[in-house]
Amino acid sequence: MKYPFHWLGHSGIRIDGSKRVYIDPYQIGCDDPADVILITHEHYDHFSKVDILKISTVDTILVKPGMSRNELSVEQRTVIPGQQFELQGVSIQTVPSYNIGKPFHPSDSHNVGYVFSLDDVTYYHAGDTDLIPEMTAIQCDVAFLPVGGTYTMNPEEAAKAAEILRPKMAVPIHWGSVVGTRRDAETFSKLCSCDVNVPELYP
């Protein structure tokens, strides 16, 4: 099955369905307007105000963790892990996203990953995370998993996450920009037993 997503570089994803959903847009080349923008945490390579404004309209809703409110003139919803709600026909669940044994994304920062359903497909964007126990409770068709290491899982750890999640398709992210290389993405692909899409950069 072909799923309607585009990799926008680094951790950025765009879903083109009955609604257009962006996750963590950063240094993106497109400006197609968003219905919903999901932000996993406040680091500059995930919460990019320039990119958010590029794709926002008066109808766009920005969803982000409980960081301080900012000057963006976009309707905003603040979230913490463990919430479930619907926006513009998109069913959204927030899940934990954190490091184990690394200082970059502590669990008490309340960063999030997103499990969301659109047009009968359920997607999981893990955010900047390690392999964490909460993944055992997640069910999804498509899993966007970081593979770059240093700040997140490396390819081997991400492959173990895919084994736990058992998606129909896994997509390696968090590579090709700040940290991680295409080799990391390809290593992940070789280690996975599920279908893997190592994406090309969307214009």
C-alpha atoms as a PDB file:
ATOM      1  CA  MET A   1       0.000   0.000   0.000  1.00  0.00           C
ATOM      2  CA  LYS A   2       1.219   3.499  -0.799  1.00  0.00           C
ATOM      3  CA  TYR A   3       0.875   5.882   2.141  1.00  0.00           C
ATOM      4  CA  PRO A   4       0.452   9.629   1.442  1.00  0.00           C
ATOM      5  CA  PHE A   5       3.435  10.979   3.353  1.00  0.00           C
ATOM      6  CA  HIS A   6       6.508  12.994   2.385  1.00  0.00           C
ATOM      7  CA  TRP A   7       9.790  13.236   4.259  1.00  0.00           C
ATOM      8  CA  LEU A   8      10.771  16.907   4.410  1.00  0.00           C
ATOM      9  CA  GLY A   9      14.267  16.373   5.792  1.00  0.00           C
ATOM     10  CA  HIS A  10      15.524  15.671   9.321  1.00  0.00           C
ATOM     11  CA  SER A  11      12.367  14.761  11.335  1.00  0.00           C
ATOM     12  CA  GLY A  12       9.905  16.679   9.197  1.00  0.00           C
ATOM     13  CA  ILE A  13       6.946  14.764   7.773  1.00  0.00           C
ATOM     14  CA  ARG A  14       3.912  15.868   5.789  1.00  0.00           C
ATOM     15  CA  ILE A  15       0.763  13.774   5.387  1.00  0.00           C
ATOM     16  CA  ASP A  16      -1.429  14.645   2.406  1.00  0.00           C
ATOM     17  CA  GLY A  17      -4.878  13.235   3.019  1.00  0.00           C
ATOM     18  CA  SER A  18      -8.331  14.677   3.507  1.00  0.00           C
ATOM     19  CA  LYS A  19      -6.410  17.006   5.861  1.00  0.00           C
ATOM     20  CA  ARG A  20      -2.789  18.121   5.537  1.00  0.00           C
ATOM     21  CA  VAL A  21      -0.760  17.333   8.649  1.00  0.00           C
ATOM     22  CA  TYR A  22       2.834  18.412   9.253  1.00  0.00           C
ATOM     23  CA  ILE A  23       5.087  17.087  12.002  1.00  0.00           C
ATOM     24  CA  ASP A  24       8.225  18.965  13.110  1.00  0.00           C
ATOM     25  CA  PRO A  25       8.757  20.993   9.910  1.00  0.00           C
ATOM     26  CA  TYR A  26      12.356  22.266   9.771  1.00  0.00           C
ATOM     27  CA  GLN A  27      14.098  23.968   6.847  1.00  0.00           C
ATOM     28  CA  ILE A  28      11.381  22.727   4.518  1.00  0.00           C
ATOM     29  CA  GLY A  29      11.213  23.594   0.853  1.00  0.00           C
ATOM     30  CA  CYS A  30       7.423  23.463   0.483  1.00  0.00           C
ATOM     31  CA  ASP A  31       4.801  25.965   1.595  1.00  0.00           C
ATOM     32  CA  ASP A  32       1.548  24.066   1.088  1.00  0.00           C
ATOM     33  CA  PRO A  33      -0.824  25.229   3.844  1.00  0.00           C
ATOM     34  CA  ALA A  34      -1.285  23.047   6.909  1.00  0.00           C
ATOM     35  CA  ASP A  35      -4.519  22.054   8.584  1.00  0.00           C
ATOM     36  CA  VAL A  36      -2.689  20.726  11.639  1.00  0.00           C
ATOM     37  CA  ILE A  37       0.959  21.104  12.710  1.00  0.00           C
ATOM     38  CA  LEU A  38       2.266  18.713  15.368  1.00  0.00           C
ATOM     39  CA  ILE A  39       5.412  19.681  17.293  1.00  0.00           C
ATOM     40  CA  THR A  40       7.158  17.052  19.425  1.00  0.00           C
ATOM     41  CA  HIS A  41       9.379  19.365  21.524  1.00  0.00           C
ATOM     42  CA  GLU A  42      10.935  22.799  21.702  1.00  0.00           C
ATOM     43  CA  HIS A  43      14.429  22.196  20.245  1.00  0.00           C
ATOM     44  CA  TYR A  44      15.106  24.468  17.275  1.00  0.00           C
ATOM     45  CA  ASP A  45      15.257  21.617  14.756  1.00  0.00           C
ATOM     46  CA  HIS A  46      11.711  20.551  15.685  1.00  0.00           C
ATOM     47  CA  PHE A  47      10.021  23.774  16.746  1.00  0.00           C
ATOM     48  CA  SER A  48      10.961  26.122  13.899  1.00  0.00           C
ATOM     49  CA  LYS A  49       8.861  29.295  13.967  1.00  0.00           C
ATOM     50  CA  VAL A  50      10.006  30.271  10.470  1.00  0.00           C
ATOM     51  CA  ASP A  51       8.738  27.010   9.020  1.00  0.00           C
ATOM     52  CA  ILE A  52       5.523  27.079  11.039  1.00  0.00           C
ATOM     53  CA  LEU A  53       4.665  30.536   9.720  1.00  0.00           C
ATOM     54  CA  LYS A  54       5.479  29.435   6.171  1.00  0.00           C
ATOM     55  CA  ILE A  55       2.687  26.837   6.198  1.00  0.00           C
ATOM     56  CA  SER A  56       0.145  28.460   8.553  1.00  0.00           C
ATOM     57  CA  THR A  57      -3.186  30.049   7.677  1.00  0.00           C
ATOM     58  CA  VAL A  58      -5.980  31.479   9.811  1.00  0.00           C
ATOM     59  CA  ASP A  59      -7.414  27.955   9.983  1.00  0.00           C
ATOM     60  CA  THR A  60      -4.220  26.118  10.966  1.00  0.00           C
ATOM     61  CA  ILE A  61      -4.026  24.574  14.437  1.00  0.00           C
ATOM     62  CA  LEU A  62      -0.606  24.173  16.073  1.00  0.00           C
ATOM     63  CA  VAL A  63      -0.230  21.400  18.654  1.00  0.00           C
ATOM     64  CA  LYS A  64       2.825  21.457  20.899  1.00  0.00           C
ATOM     65  CA  PRO A  65       4.014  20.369  24.361  1.00  0.00           C
ATOM     66  CA  GLY A  66       3.687  22.627  27.371  1.00  0.00           C
ATOM     67  CA  MET A  67       6.403  25.089  26.528  1.00  0.00           C
ATOM     68  CA  SER A  68       5.763  28.778  27.081  1.00  0.00           C
ATOM     69  CA  ARG A  69       3.261  30.434  24.771  1.00  0.00           C
ATOM     70  CA  ASN A  70       4.972  32.337  21.984  1.00  0.00           C
ATOM     71  CA  GLU A  71       4.288  35.189  19.633  1.00  0.00           C
ATOM     72  CA  LEU A  72       3.116  32.994  16.755  1.00  0.00           C
ATOM     73  CA  SER A  73      -0.252  34.185  15.480  1.00  0.00           C
ATOM     74  CA  VAL A  74      -1.548  30.650  15.039  1.00  0.00           C
ATOM     75  CA  GLU A  75      -4.264  28.892  17.000  1.00  0.00           C
ATOM     76  CA  GLN A  76      -2.400  26.757  19.526  1.00  0.00           C
ATOM     77  CA  ARG A  77      -3.161  23.735  21.677  1.00  0.00           C
ATOM     78  CA  THR A  78      -0.749  22.763  24.453  1.00  0.00           C
ATOM     79  CA  VAL A  79      -0.383  19.073  25.283  1.00  0.00           C
ATOM     80  CA  ILE A  80       1.340  16.633  27.606  1.00  0.00           C
ATOM     81  CA  PRO A  81       1.868  12.881  27.146  1.00  0.00           C
ATOM     82  CA  GLY A  82      -1.211  10.742  27.623  1.00  0.00           C
ATOM     83  CA  GLN A  83      -3.897  12.877  26.013  1.00  0.00           C
ATOM     84  CA  GLN A  84      -6.376  11.951  23.290  1.00  0.00           C
ATOM     85  CA  PHE A  85      -8.481  14.343  21.212  1.00  0.00           C
ATOM     86  CA  GLU A  86      -9.681  15.185  17.702  1.00  0.00           C
ATOM     87  CA  LEU A  87      -8.812  18.226  15.588  1.00  0.00           C
ATOM     88  CA  GLN A  88     -10.242  18.899  12.135  1.00  0.00           C
ATOM     89  CA  GLY A  89     -11.122  15.241  11.699  1.00  0.00           C
ATOM     90  CA  VAL A  90      -7.680  14.004  12.792  1.00  0.00           C
ATOM     91  CA  SER A  91      -7.723  11.697  15.818  1.00  0.00           C
ATOM     92  CA  ILE A  92      -4.613  12.434  17.902  1.00  0.00           C
ATOM     93  CA  GLN A  93      -2.995  10.735  20.878  1.00  0.00           C
ATOM     94  CA  THR A  94       0.110  12.080  22.637  1.00  0.00           C
ATOM     95  CA  VAL A  95       2.628   9.531  23.914  1.00  0.00           C
ATOM     96  CA  PRO A  96       5.891   9.848  25.879  1.00  0.00           C
ATOM     97  CA  SER A  97       9.149  10.617  24.072  1.00  0.00           C
ATOM     98  CA  TYR A  98      12.406  10.740  26.038  1.00  0.00           C
ATOM     99  CA  ASN A  99      15.998   9.569  26.424  1.00  0.00           C
ATOM    100  CA  ILE A 100      17.283   6.841  28.685  1.00  0.00           C
ATOM    101  CA  GLY A 101      20.790   7.478  29.968  1.00  0.00           C
ATOM    102  CA  LYS A 102      21.214  10.660  27.908  1.00  0.00           C
ATOM    103  CA  PRO A 103      20.694  14.249  29.063  1.00  0.00           C
ATOM    104  CA  PHE A 104      19.158  15.694  25.905  1.00  0.00           C
ATOM    105  CA  HIS A 105      15.462  14.810  26.304  1.00  0.00           C
ATOM    106  CA  PRO A 106      14.690  13.905  29.928  1.00  0.00           C
ATOM    107  CA  SER A 107      11.375  12.298  30.733  1.00  0.00           C
ATOM    108  CA  ASP A 108      10.361  15.178  33.010  1.00  0.00           C
ATOM    109  CA  SER A 109      10.437  17.570  30.028  1.00  0.00           C
ATOM    110  CA  HIS A 110       7.122  16.016  28.947  1.00  0.00           C
ATOM    111  CA  ASN A 111       8.079  15.908  25.278  1.00  0.00           C
ATOM    112  CA  VAL A 112       5.676  13.953  23.112  1.00  0.00           C
ATOM    113  CA  GLY A 113       5.387  11.602  20.228  1.00  0.00           C
ATOM    114  CA  TYR A 114       2.124  11.451  18.293  1.00  0.00           C
ATOM    115  CA  VAL A 115      -0.122   8.574  17.305  1.00  0.00           C
ATOM    116  CA  PHE A 116      -2.721   9.953  14.944  1.00  0.00           C
ATOM    117  CA  SER A 117      -5.263   8.575  12.521  1.00  0.00           C
ATOM    118  CA  LEU A 118      -6.302  10.081   9.212  1.00  0.00           C
ATOM    119  CA  ASP A 119      -8.260   8.428   6.397  1.00  0.00           C
ATOM    120  CA  ASP A 120      -8.177   5.009   8.097  1.00  0.00           C
ATOM    121  CA  VAL A 121      -4.376   5.008   8.494  1.00  0.00           C
ATOM    122  CA  THR A 122      -2.691   5.312  11.904  1.00  0.00           C
ATOM    123  CA  TYR A 123       0.712   6.998  12.037  1.00  0.00           C
ATOM    124  CA  TYR A 124       3.254   7.150  14.855  1.00  0.00           C
ATOM    125  CA  HIS A 125       5.859   9.910  14.928  1.00  0.00           C
ATOM    126  CA  ALA A 126       8.206   9.064  17.784  1.00  0.00           C
ATOM    127  CA  GLY A 127       9.910  12.457  18.191  1.00  0.00           C
ATOM    128  CA  ASP A 128      13.386  12.505  19.744  1.00  0.00           C
ATOM    129  CA  THR A 129      13.343   9.354  21.790  1.00  0.00           C
ATOM    130  CA  ASP A 130      15.201   6.235  22.784  1.00  0.00           C
ATOM    131  CA  LEU A 131      13.714   2.765  22.826  1.00  0.00           C
ATOM    132  CA  ILE A 132      11.268   3.198  25.721  1.00  0.00           C
ATOM    133  CA  PRO A 133       8.860   0.790  27.465  1.00  0.00           C
ATOM    134  CA  GLU A 134       5.794   2.817  26.465  1.00  0.00           C
ATOM    135  CA  MET A 135       6.254   1.698  22.846  1.00  0.00           C
ATOM    136  CA  THR A 136       4.776  -1.695  23.715  1.00  0.00           C
ATOM    137  CA  ALA A 137       1.319  -0.074  23.993  1.00  0.00           C
ATOM    138  CA  ILE A 138       1.451   1.694  20.602  1.00  0.00           C
ATOM    139  CA  GLN A 139      -0.325   0.342  17.543  1.00  0.00           C
ATOM    140  CA  CYS A 140       0.206   1.917  14.142  1.00  0.00           C
ATOM    141  CA  ASP A 141       0.293   1.279  10.426  1.00  0.00           C
ATOM    142  CA  VAL A 142       3.247   3.582   9.719  1.00  0.00           C
ATOM    143  CA  ALA A 143       6.031   4.345  12.221  1.00  0.00           C
ATOM    144  CA  PHE A 144       8.384   7.298  11.780  1.00  0.00           C
ATOM    145  CA  LEU A 145      11.416   6.404  13.917  1.00  0.00           C
ATOM    146  CA  PRO A 146      14.612   8.387  14.590  1.00  0.00           C
ATOM    147  CA  VAL A 147      17.795   6.545  13.618  1.00  0.00           C
ATOM    148  CA  GLY A 148      20.552   9.166  13.822  1.00  0.00           C
ATOM    149  CA  GLY A 149      21.929   8.260  17.252  1.00  0.00           C
ATOM    150  CA  THR A 150      23.551  10.745  19.670  1.00  0.00           C
ATOM    151  CA  TYR A 151      20.259  12.451  20.622  1.00  0.00           C
ATOM    152  CA  THR A 152      17.955   9.538  19.750  1.00  0.00           C
ATOM    153  CA  MET A 153      17.938   5.857  18.947  1.00  0.00           C
ATOM    154  CA  ASN A 154      20.619   4.560  16.601  1.00  0.00           C
ATOM    155  CA  PRO A 155      19.692   2.234  13.696  1.00  0.00           C
ATOM    156  CA  GLU A 156      19.967  -0.916  15.789  1.00  0.00           C
ATOM    157  CA  GLU A 157      17.786   0.455  18.580  1.00  0.00           C
ATOM    158  CA  ALA A 158      15.249   1.802  16.093  1.00  0.00           C
ATOM    159  CA  ALA A 159      15.038  -1.631  14.462  1.00  0.00           C
ATOM    160  CA  LYS A 160      14.233  -3.120  17.881  1.00  0.00           C
ATOM    161  CA  ALA A 161      11.513  -0.484  18.271  1.00  0.00           C
ATOM    162  CA  ALA A 162      10.052  -1.507  14.910  1.00  0.00           C
ATOM    163  CA  GLU A 163      10.084  -5.112  16.083  1.00  0.00           C
ATOM    164  CA  ILE A 164       7.998  -4.111  19.107  1.00  0.00           C
ATOM    165  CA  LEU A 165       5.634  -1.815  17.183  1.00  0.00           C
ATOM    166  CA  ARG A 166       5.105  -4.201  14.240  1.00  0.00           C
ATOM    167  CA  PRO A 167       3.934  -1.510  11.797  1.00  0.00           C
ATOM    168  CA  LYS A 168       3.030  -2.252   8.205  1.00  0.00           C
ATOM    169  CA  MET A 169       5.754   0.208   7.236  1.00  0.00           C
ATOM    170  CA  ALA A 170       8.630   1.860   9.100  1.00  0.00           C
ATOM    171  CA  VAL A 171      10.275   5.096   7.969  1.00  0.00           C
ATOM    172  CA  PRO A 172      13.681   6.246   9.293  1.00  0.00           C
ATOM    173  CA  ILE A 173      13.874   9.929  10.281  1.00  0.00           C
ATOM    174  CA  HIS A 174      16.237  12.258  12.170  1.00  0.00           C
ATOM    175  CA  TRP A 175      19.070  11.859   9.705  1.00  0.00           C
ATOM    176  CA  GLY A 176      20.640  13.822   6.854  1.00  0.00           C
ATOM    177  CA  SER A 177      20.765  17.188   8.627  1.00  0.00           C
ATOM    178  CA  VAL A 178      21.688  17.802  12.266  1.00  0.00           C
ATOM    179  CA  VAL A 179      22.903  14.267  12.903  1.00  0.00           C
ATOM    180  CA  GLY A 180      22.725  10.904  11.160  1.00  0.00           C
ATOM    181  CA  THR A 181      23.396   9.833   7.587  1.00  0.00           C
ATOM    182  CA  ARG A 182      21.723   7.905   4.814  1.00  0.00           C
ATOM    183  CA  ARG A 183      23.882   4.961   5.847  1.00  0.00           C
ATOM    184  CA  ASP A 184      22.082   4.980   9.215  1.00  0.00           C
ATOM    185  CA  ALA A 185      18.742   4.881   7.416  1.00  0.00           C
ATOM    186  CA  GLU A 186      19.893   2.029   5.177  1.00  0.00           C
ATOM    187  CA  THR A 187      21.300   0.079   8.123  1.00  0.00           C
ATOM    188  CA  PHE A 188      17.940   0.412   9.842  1.00  0.00           C
ATOM    189  CA  SER A 189      16.218  -0.862   6.698  1.00  0.00           C
ATOM    190  CA  LYS A 190      18.415  -3.961   6.549  1.00  0.00           C
ATOM    191  CA  LEU A 191      17.752  -4.797  10.200  1.00  0.00           C
ATOM    192  CA  CYS A 192      13.963  -4.497  10.045  1.00  0.00           C
ATOM    193  CA  SER A 193      11.644  -7.399   9.344  1.00  0.00           C
ATOM    194  CA  CYS A 194       8.762  -5.118   8.303  1.00  0.00           C
ATOM    195  CA  ASP A 195       8.556  -3.073   5.111  1.00  0.00           C
ATOM    196  CA  VAL A 196      10.794   0.002   5.265  1.00  0.00           C
ATOM    197  CA  ASN A 197      10.660   3.137   3.166  1.00  0.00           C
ATOM    198  CA  VAL A 198      13.990   4.972   3.121  1.00  0.00           C
ATOM    199  CA  PRO A 199      12.604   8.222   1.754  1.00  0.00           C
ATOM    200  CA  GLU A 200      14.011  10.644  -0.743  1.00  0.00           C
ATOM    201  CA  LEU A 201      13.877  14.315   0.193  1.00  0.00           C
ATOM    202  CA  TYR A 202      10.642  15.979  -0.887  1.00  0.00           C
ATOM    203  CA  PRO A 203      11.249  19.235  -2.792  1.00  0.00           C
END
